[in-house]
N, C-alpha and C. Protein backbone atom coordinates (compact mmCIF):
# COMPACT_ATOMS: atom_id res chain seq x y z
N MET A 1 0.82 -1.18 0.03
CA MET A 1 0.00 -0.01 0.01
C MET A 1 0.89 1.26 0.00
N ALA A 2 0.64 2.18 -0.87
CA ALA A 2 1.45 3.38 -1.00
C ALA A 2 1.07 4.40 0.08
N GLN A 3 2.10 5.10 0.56
CA GLN A 3 1.82 6.13 1.55
C GLN A 3 1.25 7.30 0.86
N LYS A 4 0.29 7.90 1.55
CA LYS A 4 -0.36 9.09 1.10
C LYS A 4 0.40 10.33 1.57
N GLU A 5 0.72 11.24 0.65
CA GLU A 5 1.40 12.42 1.07
C GLU A 5 0.48 13.32 1.79
N VAL A 6 0.95 13.81 3.03
CA VAL A 6 0.17 14.70 3.83
C VAL A 6 0.56 16.13 3.57
N LEU A 7 -0.40 17.02 3.38
CA LEU A 7 -0.11 18.42 3.08
C LEU A 7 -0.18 19.23 4.40
N ASN A 8 0.67 20.21 4.53
CA ASN A 8 0.59 21.11 5.70
C ASN A 8 -0.57 22.13 5.48
N PRO A 9 -0.90 22.84 6.49
CA PRO A 9 -2.03 23.84 6.35
C PRO A 9 -1.84 24.84 5.23
N ASN A 10 -0.58 25.07 4.80
CA ASN A 10 -0.32 26.02 3.74
C ASN A 10 -0.40 25.36 2.37
N GLY A 11 -0.78 24.04 2.32
CA GLY A 11 -0.95 23.34 1.07
C GLY A 11 0.31 22.77 0.47
N MET A 12 1.39 22.69 1.18
CA MET A 12 2.65 22.15 0.69
C MET A 12 3.04 20.93 1.50
N SER A 13 3.73 19.99 0.81
CA SER A 13 4.20 18.81 1.51
C SER A 13 5.36 19.19 2.31
N ASP A 14 5.73 18.42 3.28
CA ASP A 14 6.94 18.67 4.13
C ASP A 14 8.18 18.81 3.31
N LYS A 15 8.31 17.96 2.27
CA LYS A 15 9.51 18.00 1.45
C LYS A 15 9.59 19.36 0.68
N ASP A 16 8.42 19.80 0.12
CA ASP A 16 8.39 21.04 -0.60
C ASP A 16 8.58 22.23 0.34
N LEU A 17 8.04 22.17 1.49
CA LEU A 17 8.17 23.28 2.46
C LEU A 17 9.67 23.38 2.87
N LEU A 18 10.32 22.27 3.10
CA LEU A 18 11.75 22.27 3.51
C LEU A 18 12.60 22.84 2.36
N GLY A 19 12.30 22.44 1.13
CA GLY A 19 13.04 23.00 -0.02
C GLY A 19 12.90 24.46 -0.17
N LYS A 20 11.67 24.98 0.07
CA LYS A 20 11.37 26.40 -0.02
C LYS A 20 12.15 27.14 1.11
N TYR A 21 12.15 26.57 2.27
CA TYR A 21 12.86 27.20 3.40
C TYR A 21 14.38 27.34 3.15
N GLN A 22 14.95 26.22 2.59
CA GLN A 22 16.36 26.21 2.36
C GLN A 22 16.78 27.15 1.23
N SER A 23 15.86 27.52 0.36
CA SER A 23 16.28 28.37 -0.77
C SER A 23 15.95 29.81 -0.50
N THR A 24 15.34 30.14 0.63
CA THR A 24 15.02 31.58 0.88
C THR A 24 16.10 32.24 1.67
N SER A 25 16.08 33.58 1.58
CA SER A 25 17.08 34.38 2.30
C SER A 25 16.77 34.34 3.77
N PRO A 26 17.81 34.45 4.66
CA PRO A 26 17.57 34.47 6.10
C PRO A 26 16.78 35.70 6.60
N THR A 27 16.71 36.75 5.75
CA THR A 27 16.00 37.91 6.18
C THR A 27 14.92 38.24 5.13
N PRO A 28 13.84 38.88 5.58
CA PRO A 28 12.75 39.22 4.65
C PRO A 28 13.22 40.11 3.50
N SER A 29 14.21 40.94 3.73
CA SER A 29 14.63 41.89 2.70
C SER A 29 15.69 41.30 1.82
N GLY A 30 16.19 40.10 2.12
CA GLY A 30 17.22 39.47 1.35
C GLY A 30 18.62 39.91 1.75
N ASP A 31 18.79 40.81 2.72
CA ASP A 31 20.13 41.25 3.18
C ASP A 31 20.83 40.20 3.94
N ASN A 32 22.13 40.25 3.96
CA ASN A 32 22.92 39.42 4.81
C ASN A 32 22.67 39.82 6.24
N VAL A 33 22.74 38.86 7.10
CA VAL A 33 22.58 39.16 8.55
C VAL A 33 23.60 40.14 9.03
N GLU A 34 24.77 40.17 8.50
CA GLU A 34 25.80 41.05 8.91
C GLU A 34 25.48 42.54 8.65
N ASN A 35 24.59 42.80 7.67
CA ASN A 35 24.23 44.10 7.31
C ASN A 35 23.06 44.66 8.09
N ILE A 36 22.45 43.89 8.95
CA ILE A 36 21.34 44.35 9.75
C ILE A 36 21.85 45.07 11.01
N PRO A 37 21.38 46.27 11.25
CA PRO A 37 21.85 46.97 12.45
C PRO A 37 21.48 46.23 13.72
N LYS A 38 22.39 46.18 14.65
CA LYS A 38 22.15 45.53 15.98
C LYS A 38 21.36 46.45 16.82
N LEU A 39 20.43 45.86 17.62
CA LEU A 39 19.64 46.57 18.51
C LEU A 39 20.36 46.72 19.84
N VAL A 40 21.23 47.66 19.89
CA VAL A 40 21.99 47.93 21.11
C VAL A 40 21.53 49.30 21.64
N LYS A 41 21.22 49.35 22.98
CA LYS A 41 20.82 50.61 23.55
C LYS A 41 21.99 51.54 23.57
N SER A 42 21.78 52.76 23.18
CA SER A 42 22.86 53.74 23.22
C SER A 42 22.92 54.26 24.61
N LYS A 43 24.18 54.67 25.02
CA LYS A 43 24.37 55.18 26.30
C LYS A 43 23.86 56.63 26.36
N LYS A 44 23.43 57.01 27.52
CA LYS A 44 22.94 58.40 27.69
C LYS A 44 24.01 59.23 28.40
N ALA A 45 23.87 60.50 28.21
CA ALA A 45 24.83 61.45 28.82
C ALA A 45 24.70 61.34 30.35
N TYR A 46 25.80 61.46 30.99
CA TYR A 46 25.83 61.35 32.46
C TYR A 46 25.61 62.71 33.10
N LYS A 47 24.64 62.73 34.01
CA LYS A 47 24.28 63.93 34.75
C LYS A 47 24.55 63.61 36.22
N PRO A 48 25.59 64.19 36.77
CA PRO A 48 25.97 63.76 38.14
C PRO A 48 25.08 64.30 39.29
N PHE A 49 24.33 65.40 39.03
CA PHE A 49 23.48 65.90 40.06
C PHE A 49 22.39 66.71 39.44
N ALA A 50 21.30 66.93 40.19
CA ALA A 50 20.20 67.82 39.78
C ALA A 50 20.16 68.96 40.75
N GLN A 51 20.02 70.15 40.16
CA GLN A 51 20.01 71.37 40.94
C GLN A 51 18.58 71.81 41.22
N ALA A 52 18.41 72.44 42.43
CA ALA A 52 17.13 73.02 42.79
C ALA A 52 17.45 74.05 43.89
N SER A 53 16.66 75.06 43.87
CA SER A 53 16.83 76.19 44.89
C SER A 53 16.11 75.79 46.18
N LYS A 54 16.91 75.61 47.20
CA LYS A 54 16.35 75.26 48.53
C LYS A 54 15.49 74.02 48.46
N PRO A 55 16.06 72.89 48.05
CA PRO A 55 15.19 71.67 47.97
C PRO A 55 14.77 71.15 49.39
N GLU A 56 13.63 70.49 49.39
CA GLU A 56 13.13 69.90 50.64
C GLU A 56 13.77 68.56 50.92
N GLN A 57 14.12 67.83 49.87
CA GLN A 57 14.78 66.53 50.01
C GLN A 57 15.97 66.45 49.17
N ILE A 58 16.87 65.54 49.51
CA ILE A 58 18.07 65.21 48.70
C ILE A 58 18.06 63.69 48.56
N LYS A 59 18.33 63.22 47.33
CA LYS A 59 18.31 61.84 46.98
C LYS A 59 19.72 61.42 46.57
N PHE A 60 20.15 60.26 47.02
CA PHE A 60 21.45 59.68 46.71
C PHE A 60 21.24 58.44 45.85
N TYR A 61 21.47 58.49 44.55
CA TYR A 61 21.21 57.41 43.62
C TYR A 61 22.48 56.55 43.42
N ASP A 62 22.32 55.22 43.55
CA ASP A 62 23.50 54.35 43.24
C ASP A 62 23.50 54.08 41.72
N ASN A 63 24.43 53.36 41.20
CA ASN A 63 24.61 53.18 39.82
C ASN A 63 23.57 52.20 39.15
N GLN A 64 22.71 51.61 40.00
CA GLN A 64 21.64 50.73 39.49
C GLN A 64 20.27 51.42 39.54
N GLY A 65 20.22 52.67 39.99
CA GLY A 65 18.97 53.42 40.10
C GLY A 65 18.27 53.37 41.43
N GLY A 66 18.79 52.59 42.34
CA GLY A 66 18.24 52.63 43.70
C GLY A 66 18.73 53.92 44.43
N PHE A 67 17.95 54.30 45.40
CA PHE A 67 18.35 55.58 46.07
C PHE A 67 17.91 55.58 47.53
N ASP A 68 18.63 56.47 48.30
CA ASP A 68 18.29 56.88 49.62
C ASP A 68 17.81 58.32 49.54
N PHE A 69 17.03 58.74 50.48
CA PHE A 69 16.70 60.13 50.46
C PHE A 69 16.48 60.62 51.92
N CYS A 70 16.64 61.88 52.11
CA CYS A 70 16.45 62.46 53.46
C CYS A 70 15.98 63.88 53.25
N ASN A 71 15.40 64.39 54.28
CA ASN A 71 15.01 65.84 54.26
C ASN A 71 16.31 66.64 54.22
N ALA A 72 16.30 67.62 53.39
CA ALA A 72 17.50 68.46 53.24
C ALA A 72 17.91 69.15 54.52
N ASN A 73 16.93 69.37 55.41
CA ASN A 73 17.26 70.00 56.72
C ASN A 73 18.00 69.00 57.61
N HIS A 74 18.05 67.73 57.25
CA HIS A 74 18.76 66.71 58.05
C HIS A 74 20.23 66.65 57.74
N ILE A 75 20.68 67.46 56.76
CA ILE A 75 22.11 67.48 56.47
C ILE A 75 22.79 68.33 57.52
N ILE A 76 23.59 67.72 58.37
CA ILE A 76 24.22 68.37 59.47
C ILE A 76 25.47 69.11 59.03
N GLY A 77 26.23 68.54 58.10
CA GLY A 77 27.46 69.11 57.66
C GLY A 77 28.14 68.19 56.65
N GLY A 78 29.35 68.51 56.37
CA GLY A 78 30.13 67.75 55.45
C GLY A 78 31.50 68.32 55.28
N ASN A 79 32.33 67.63 54.48
CA ASN A 79 33.64 68.25 54.19
C ASN A 79 34.14 67.73 52.86
N PHE A 80 35.08 68.46 52.31
CA PHE A 80 35.70 68.14 51.06
C PHE A 80 37.24 68.20 51.25
N LYS A 81 37.85 67.03 51.36
CA LYS A 81 39.30 66.99 51.63
C LYS A 81 39.94 65.89 50.78
N LYS A 82 41.05 66.25 50.14
CA LYS A 82 41.82 65.31 49.32
C LYS A 82 41.00 64.67 48.16
N GLY A 83 40.04 65.45 47.68
CA GLY A 83 39.22 64.98 46.58
C GLY A 83 38.04 64.07 47.00
N ILE A 84 37.82 63.92 48.31
CA ILE A 84 36.70 63.11 48.79
C ILE A 84 35.68 64.02 49.47
N LEU A 85 34.46 63.82 49.06
CA LEU A 85 33.34 64.58 49.60
C LEU A 85 32.55 63.76 50.58
N THR A 86 32.43 64.25 51.84
CA THR A 86 31.66 63.56 52.81
C THR A 86 30.47 64.44 53.21
N ILE A 87 29.30 63.78 53.21
CA ILE A 87 27.99 64.49 53.60
C ILE A 87 27.50 63.78 54.81
N ILE A 88 27.21 64.51 55.87
CA ILE A 88 26.75 63.95 57.16
C ILE A 88 25.33 64.43 57.34
N THR A 89 24.45 63.38 57.48
CA THR A 89 23.03 63.66 57.71
C THR A 89 22.79 63.21 59.21
N SER A 90 21.53 63.46 59.66
CA SER A 90 21.24 63.05 61.05
C SER A 90 21.24 61.60 61.28
N THR A 91 21.17 60.77 60.20
CA THR A 91 21.20 59.28 60.39
C THR A 91 22.21 58.55 59.59
N GLN A 92 22.82 59.15 58.57
CA GLN A 92 23.79 58.47 57.72
C GLN A 92 24.99 59.41 57.42
N ILE A 93 26.03 58.74 56.94
CA ILE A 93 27.16 59.47 56.44
C ILE A 93 27.38 58.94 55.02
N TYR A 94 27.50 59.84 54.04
CA TYR A 94 27.71 59.47 52.61
C TYR A 94 29.15 59.98 52.23
N VAL A 95 29.87 59.08 51.66
CA VAL A 95 31.19 59.36 51.20
C VAL A 95 31.18 59.26 49.68
N LEU A 96 31.50 60.38 48.99
CA LEU A 96 31.50 60.40 47.53
C LEU A 96 32.95 60.50 47.01
N THR A 97 33.32 59.65 46.10
CA THR A 97 34.60 59.65 45.45
C THR A 97 34.38 59.87 43.92
N GLY A 98 35.31 60.52 43.35
CA GLY A 98 35.25 60.75 41.88
C GLY A 98 36.16 61.91 41.46
N GLU A 99 35.71 62.62 40.46
CA GLU A 99 36.49 63.67 39.89
C GLU A 99 35.76 65.04 40.02
N ASN A 100 36.52 66.06 40.27
CA ASN A 100 36.05 67.47 40.27
C ASN A 100 34.81 67.63 41.21
N LEU A 101 34.91 67.10 42.42
CA LEU A 101 33.80 67.10 43.35
C LEU A 101 33.76 68.42 44.13
N LYS A 102 34.75 69.31 44.02
CA LYS A 102 34.77 70.52 44.80
C LYS A 102 33.53 71.42 44.43
N GLN A 103 33.26 71.58 43.13
CA GLN A 103 32.08 72.41 42.78
C GLN A 103 30.80 71.81 43.26
N LEU A 104 30.74 70.50 43.33
CA LEU A 104 29.53 69.84 43.88
C LEU A 104 29.43 70.13 45.33
N ALA A 105 30.51 70.03 46.08
CA ALA A 105 30.51 70.35 47.50
C ALA A 105 30.02 71.72 47.77
N GLU A 106 30.43 72.67 46.95
CA GLU A 106 29.98 74.10 47.15
C GLU A 106 28.46 74.21 46.90
N LEU A 107 27.95 73.49 45.91
CA LEU A 107 26.50 73.59 45.62
C LEU A 107 25.69 72.92 46.74
N ILE A 108 26.20 71.82 47.27
CA ILE A 108 25.48 71.19 48.37
C ILE A 108 25.50 72.08 49.62
N ALA A 109 26.64 72.71 49.88
CA ALA A 109 26.77 73.63 51.00
C ALA A 109 25.82 74.83 50.85
N ASP A 110 25.56 75.25 49.64
CA ASP A 110 24.66 76.37 49.40
C ASP A 110 23.16 75.86 49.25
N ARG A 111 22.93 74.60 49.48
CA ARG A 111 21.57 74.03 49.40
C ARG A 111 20.97 74.25 47.97
N LYS A 112 21.75 73.82 46.98
CA LYS A 112 21.30 73.98 45.58
C LYS A 112 21.22 72.65 44.83
N VAL A 113 21.31 71.53 45.56
CA VAL A 113 21.28 70.18 44.92
C VAL A 113 20.19 69.41 45.59
N ASN A 114 19.43 68.70 44.73
CA ASN A 114 18.38 67.81 45.30
C ASN A 114 18.54 66.36 44.91
N ALA A 115 19.56 66.04 44.10
CA ALA A 115 19.82 64.61 43.81
C ALA A 115 21.27 64.44 43.34
N LEU A 116 21.89 63.32 43.70
CA LEU A 116 23.23 62.99 43.33
C LEU A 116 23.18 61.61 42.64
N TYR A 117 23.91 61.45 41.53
CA TYR A 117 23.86 60.24 40.76
C TYR A 117 25.21 59.62 40.57
N GLU A 118 25.31 58.34 40.95
CA GLU A 118 26.58 57.63 40.79
C GLU A 118 26.72 57.19 39.30
N PHE A 119 27.93 57.32 38.79
CA PHE A 119 28.21 56.97 37.42
C PHE A 119 28.07 55.46 37.20
N ASN A 120 27.46 55.06 36.04
CA ASN A 120 27.38 53.68 35.71
C ASN A 120 27.94 53.51 34.23
N PRO A 121 29.08 52.94 34.02
CA PRO A 121 29.70 52.90 32.69
C PRO A 121 28.87 52.04 31.71
N ASP A 122 27.94 51.23 32.18
CA ASP A 122 27.12 50.41 31.31
C ASP A 122 25.98 51.26 30.65
N ILE A 123 25.59 52.37 31.30
CA ILE A 123 24.50 53.11 30.74
C ILE A 123 24.85 54.57 30.47
N HIS A 124 25.98 55.04 31.07
CA HIS A 124 26.34 56.44 30.81
C HIS A 124 27.53 56.58 29.94
N GLU A 125 27.53 57.60 29.14
CA GLU A 125 28.76 57.96 28.36
C GLU A 125 29.72 58.61 29.32
N MET A 126 30.97 58.38 29.16
CA MET A 126 32.03 59.00 29.94
C MET A 126 32.08 60.50 29.58
N PRO A 127 32.02 61.38 30.57
CA PRO A 127 32.13 62.80 30.23
C PRO A 127 33.45 63.11 29.51
N THR A 128 33.38 63.96 28.48
CA THR A 128 34.60 64.32 27.73
C THR A 128 35.26 65.57 28.31
N ASP A 129 34.51 66.38 29.06
CA ASP A 129 35.00 67.55 29.67
C ASP A 129 35.81 67.15 30.88
N LYS A 130 37.12 67.54 30.87
CA LYS A 130 38.02 67.15 31.99
C LYS A 130 37.63 67.84 33.31
N ASN A 131 36.82 68.91 33.27
CA ASN A 131 36.40 69.69 34.45
C ASN A 131 35.02 69.22 34.94
N ALA A 132 34.38 68.27 34.29
CA ALA A 132 33.07 67.83 34.63
C ALA A 132 33.12 67.04 35.95
N VAL A 133 31.99 67.18 36.73
CA VAL A 133 31.88 66.41 37.95
C VAL A 133 31.58 64.92 37.57
N LEU A 134 32.25 64.04 38.24
CA LEU A 134 32.05 62.60 38.00
C LEU A 134 32.01 61.89 39.35
N ILE A 135 30.81 61.38 39.73
CA ILE A 135 30.66 60.65 41.01
C ILE A 135 30.90 59.13 40.68
N GLU A 136 32.07 58.68 41.00
CA GLU A 136 32.38 57.29 40.76
C GLU A 136 31.75 56.33 41.76
N LYS A 137 31.62 56.78 43.00
CA LYS A 137 31.09 55.94 44.05
C LYS A 137 30.43 56.76 45.14
N ILE A 138 29.27 56.28 45.58
CA ILE A 138 28.57 56.87 46.73
C ILE A 138 28.50 55.74 47.78
N GLU A 139 29.25 55.87 48.84
CA GLU A 139 29.23 54.85 49.91
C GLU A 139 28.46 55.43 51.09
N GLN A 140 27.67 54.51 51.73
CA GLN A 140 26.85 54.93 52.85
C GLN A 140 27.34 54.19 54.14
N THR A 141 27.47 54.99 55.16
CA THR A 141 27.84 54.40 56.47
C THR A 141 26.84 54.84 57.51
N GLU A 142 26.83 54.22 58.63
CA GLU A 142 25.89 54.71 59.71
C GLU A 142 26.68 55.26 60.88
């Protein structure tokens, strides 16, 4: 007894369908895969802090987007020595390391900053300005 050929829902036999698949281009447009642009997220410009006049709160963002916050009135003091910025609040101490932090220290002392952002090389472009503020690390202690 001869085997009956079974057709797929598109009306082609498995053998015909396989032959059609093998003869078609890997992309709908016929381009080589190497010519297709890759879907890579572009990095965004790094913004180390957000300014505000007399903010009510200040937020400390880590490089993954998590953050601590406190009432700006809870900042007791701080210091900037040897390139390290220390901010003392009523419950925490934050130690910031990076580049050109002196101008940031002055803005915080004048109560003109409401957010600080740690640099993340995976999502931020490295600043090209040698005088730009760069917060490499925000460490929290109690």
